[in-house]
Amino acid sequence: MKFLKYLFFLIIGLVLAFIAVGFIHPTINYGHEITVNKSAKEAWAVQQDESKFGQWLEGFKSIDLISGEAGTVGSKYKVIVQPEGQPDFEMIETVLSVKEFDHMRMELDSDMMLFDQTTSFAEADGKTTIKTASTVNAKGMMMRSMFALMEIFGGSFKKQEVKNIEALKKVIEENTTEYYPAPVVTEVTPVVQ
């Protein structure tokens, strides 16, 4: 009987410790920084190019504009990703702030979490530094505790960010798409009268 009593207290203690982790770490903050040998203008264009999302965002499946004007403050998108070995995961992305070639801040809302990310661009000497700053707020105490433990013991969110942003670096540096072609100048022959 003593064994069951101790087992019961052990289980209660573990459950309380699990819940306490969510109170102690209610949000997850992380980010990553890269420097690319491209202009901020080109780096921005590649990062915004929806046709390239699958090349650097692991598990990316689709993005669809659902309201507003694309790329402007207040525009909303339905984003679907499929983490490895898991079912599709749907989020609603809202653009919160944007300044072309400088930064974009967005919020992604799902059943499990609210994710806020700012990506900034700074050019110097022909190179561009791209920084991300992300915050995850889980919805519900159990998810908070689970996310906190995932980050504390495995660095899951940080690792995923590093993987995606390092892949973005490669996509930017290998880019061959001409986003801003030089205007074509045509000569006009004067008409003699």
Protein backbone atom coordinates (compact mmCIF):
# COMPACT_ATOMS: atom_id res chain seq x y z
CA MET A 1 0.00 0.00 0.00
CA LYS A 2 2.87 2.39 0.77
CA PHE A 3 4.20 1.85 -2.73
CA LEU A 4 0.89 2.99 -4.30
CA LYS A 5 0.80 6.00 -1.99
CA TYR A 6 4.34 7.04 -3.03
CA LEU A 7 3.57 6.35 -6.67
CA PHE A 8 0.47 8.54 -6.42
CA PHE A 9 2.47 11.41 -4.86
CA LEU A 10 5.20 10.99 -7.48
CA ILE A 11 2.65 11.24 -10.31
CA ILE A 12 1.01 14.30 -8.72
CA GLY A 13 4.45 15.88 -8.24
CA LEU A 14 5.39 15.28 -11.90
CA VAL A 15 2.09 16.74 -13.13
CA LEU A 16 2.55 19.83 -10.94
CA ALA A 17 6.16 20.22 -12.12
CA PHE A 18 5.01 19.93 -15.73
CA ILE A 19 2.37 22.64 -15.23
CA ALA A 20 4.85 24.84 -13.32
CA VAL A 21 7.18 24.85 -16.34
CA GLY A 22 4.41 26.53 -18.36
CA PHE A 23 4.00 29.21 -15.68
CA ILE A 24 7.75 29.83 -15.46
CA HIS A 25 8.24 29.92 -19.26
CA PRO A 26 4.93 31.16 -20.73
CA THR A 27 6.57 32.32 -23.98
CA ILE A 28 9.41 31.06 -26.15
CA ASN A 29 11.75 33.69 -27.63
CA TYR A 30 14.39 32.94 -30.24
CA GLY A 31 15.91 34.24 -33.45
CA HIS A 32 18.75 33.81 -35.89
CA GLU A 33 21.02 36.02 -37.98
CA ILE A 34 22.68 35.49 -41.35
CA THR A 35 24.73 37.64 -43.71
CA VAL A 36 24.38 37.19 -47.46
CA ASN A 37 26.51 38.51 -50.32
CA LYS A 38 23.54 40.23 -51.95
CA SER A 39 21.86 43.61 -51.72
CA ALA A 40 18.99 44.13 -49.29
CA LYS A 41 16.75 44.69 -52.30
CA GLU A 42 17.53 41.26 -53.78
CA ALA A 43 17.53 39.48 -50.41
CA TRP A 44 14.11 40.99 -49.66
CA ALA A 45 12.73 39.93 -53.05
CA VAL A 46 13.90 36.33 -52.63
CA GLN A 47 12.55 36.12 -49.07
CA GLN A 48 9.17 37.46 -50.25
CA ASP A 49 8.98 35.22 -53.34
CA GLU A 50 6.20 32.72 -52.58
CA SER A 51 7.44 30.40 -55.34
CA LYS A 52 10.66 29.91 -53.32
CA PHE A 53 9.08 29.31 -49.88
CA GLY A 54 9.29 25.53 -50.27
CA GLN A 55 13.05 25.81 -50.85
CA TRP A 56 13.76 27.24 -47.40
CA LEU A 57 10.71 26.75 -45.15
CA GLU A 58 10.74 23.12 -44.07
CA GLY A 59 7.34 21.46 -44.50
CA PHE A 60 5.85 24.40 -46.42
CA LYS A 61 2.88 23.39 -48.59
CA SER A 62 0.93 26.51 -49.54
CA ILE A 63 0.07 30.14 -48.87
CA ASP A 64 -3.13 31.82 -50.07
CA LEU A 65 -4.16 35.45 -49.69
CA ILE A 66 -7.55 35.53 -47.96
CA SER A 67 -8.00 39.29 -47.38
CA GLY A 68 -6.33 42.62 -48.02
CA GLU A 69 -3.70 43.57 -50.57
CA ALA A 70 -0.72 41.21 -50.79
CA GLY A 71 2.26 42.25 -48.67
CA THR A 72 0.56 45.20 -47.00
CA VAL A 73 -0.26 45.81 -43.34
CA GLY A 74 -3.43 43.96 -42.41
CA SER A 75 -3.30 41.46 -45.26
CA LYS A 76 -4.16 37.91 -44.19
CA TYR A 77 -3.04 34.58 -45.61
CA LYS A 78 -3.90 30.95 -45.00
CA VAL A 79 -0.61 29.06 -44.61
CA ILE A 80 -0.40 25.28 -44.63
CA VAL A 81 2.70 23.39 -43.51
CA GLN A 82 3.26 19.70 -42.95
CA PRO A 83 5.86 18.95 -40.28
CA GLU A 84 7.71 15.72 -41.00
CA GLY A 85 5.54 12.69 -40.27
CA GLN A 86 2.58 14.79 -39.11
CA PRO A 87 -0.72 15.90 -40.63
CA ASP A 88 -1.15 19.29 -42.32
CA PHE A 89 -1.03 22.25 -39.96
CA GLU A 90 -2.99 25.41 -40.84
CA MET A 91 -2.20 28.95 -39.66
CA ILE A 92 -3.59 32.39 -40.42
CA GLU A 93 -0.80 34.89 -41.11
CA THR A 94 -1.45 38.61 -40.64
CA VAL A 95 1.07 41.24 -41.75
CA LEU A 96 1.51 43.64 -38.79
CA SER A 97 4.24 45.95 -40.10
CA VAL A 98 6.20 46.23 -43.32
CA LYS A 99 8.82 48.57 -44.74
CA GLU A 100 10.18 47.37 -48.06
CA PHE A 101 13.85 46.28 -47.98
CA ASP A 102 13.94 46.94 -44.21
CA HIS A 103 11.59 44.69 -42.20
CA MET A 104 8.41 42.69 -42.04
CA ARG A 105 6.53 41.72 -38.89
CA MET A 106 3.85 39.07 -39.02
CA GLU A 107 1.66 37.09 -36.69
CA LEU A 108 0.70 33.48 -37.30
CA ASP A 109 -2.33 32.18 -35.43
CA SER A 110 -3.19 28.49 -35.12
CA ASP A 111 -5.21 26.25 -32.81
CA MET A 112 -2.11 25.60 -30.69
CA MET A 113 -0.19 28.87 -30.66
CA LEU A 114 0.22 32.52 -31.54
CA PHE A 115 3.55 33.16 -33.28
CA ASP A 116 4.99 36.64 -33.82
CA GLN A 117 8.05 37.15 -36.03
CA THR A 118 9.99 40.16 -37.23
CA THR A 119 12.51 39.74 -40.04
CA SER A 120 14.83 42.71 -40.58
CA PHE A 121 17.30 43.53 -43.35
CA ALA A 122 20.36 45.79 -43.05
CA GLU A 123 22.77 46.37 -45.94
CA ALA A 124 26.42 47.41 -45.58
CA ASP A 125 29.33 47.08 -48.03
CA GLY A 126 27.29 45.09 -50.57
CA LYS A 127 26.24 42.49 -47.97
CA THR A 128 22.93 42.17 -46.17
CA THR A 129 22.38 41.01 -42.61
CA ILE A 130 19.03 39.36 -42.05
CA LYS A 131 17.81 38.90 -38.47
CA THR A 132 14.75 37.17 -37.14
CA ALA A 133 13.17 37.73 -33.73
CA SER A 134 10.37 35.33 -32.87
CA THR A 135 8.00 34.82 -29.95
CA VAL A 136 5.70 31.84 -29.48
CA ASN A 137 2.76 31.95 -27.06
CA ALA A 138 1.08 28.58 -26.69
CA LYS A 139 -2.67 28.42 -26.28
CA GLY A 140 -3.54 26.54 -23.12
CA MET A 141 -1.49 25.53 -20.11
CA MET A 142 -0.62 22.05 -21.36
CA MET A 143 0.72 23.40 -24.66
CA ARG A 144 2.71 26.10 -22.82
CA SER A 145 4.38 23.47 -20.68
CA MET A 146 5.00 21.17 -23.64
CA PHE A 147 6.50 23.96 -25.79
CA ALA A 148 8.66 25.16 -22.87
CA LEU A 149 10.03 21.65 -22.32
CA MET A 150 10.63 21.19 -26.05
CA GLU A 151 12.72 24.38 -26.09
CA ILE A 152 14.49 23.84 -22.74
CA PHE A 153 15.57 20.26 -23.43
CA GLY A 154 15.85 20.18 -27.19
CA GLY A 155 15.93 23.75 -28.44
CA SER A 156 13.26 22.67 -30.94
CA PHE A 157 12.06 26.12 -31.99
CA LYS A 158 15.57 27.61 -32.22
CA LYS A 159 16.85 24.60 -34.21
CA GLN A 160 13.99 24.90 -36.71
CA GLU A 161 14.62 28.63 -37.08
CA VAL A 162 18.33 28.10 -37.71
CA LYS A 163 17.59 25.39 -40.27
CA ASN A 164 15.09 27.55 -42.17
CA ILE A 165 17.13 30.76 -42.12
CA GLU A 166 20.35 29.01 -43.13
CA ALA A 167 18.38 27.45 -46.03
CA LEU A 168 17.13 30.97 -46.90
CA LYS A 169 20.76 32.14 -47.02
CA LYS A 170 21.56 29.45 -49.58
CA VAL A 171 18.48 30.30 -51.68
CA ILE A 172 19.38 34.02 -51.66
CA GLU A 173 23.04 33.46 -52.53
CA GLU A 174 22.17 31.04 -55.36
CA ASN A 175 19.40 33.27 -56.72
CA THR A 176 19.36 33.83 -60.48
CA THR A 177 15.91 35.43 -60.73
CA GLU A 178 16.07 39.04 -61.92
CA TYR A 179 13.49 40.78 -59.72
CA TYR A 180 14.33 44.32 -60.79
CA PRO A 181 15.38 44.24 -64.45
CA ALA A 182 16.87 47.37 -65.92
CA PRO A 183 14.40 49.24 -68.08
CA VAL A 184 14.77 48.68 -71.79
CA VAL A 185 15.70 51.88 -73.57
CA THR A 186 14.47 52.19 -77.11
CA GLU A 187 15.69 54.85 -79.45
CA VAL A 188 13.09 57.04 -80.98
CA THR A 189 13.83 58.20 -84.48
CA PRO A 190 12.76 61.79 -84.91
CA VAL A 191 10.22 62.34 -87.63
CA VAL A 192 11.44 64.89 -90.20
CA GLN A 193 8.74 67.01 -91.74
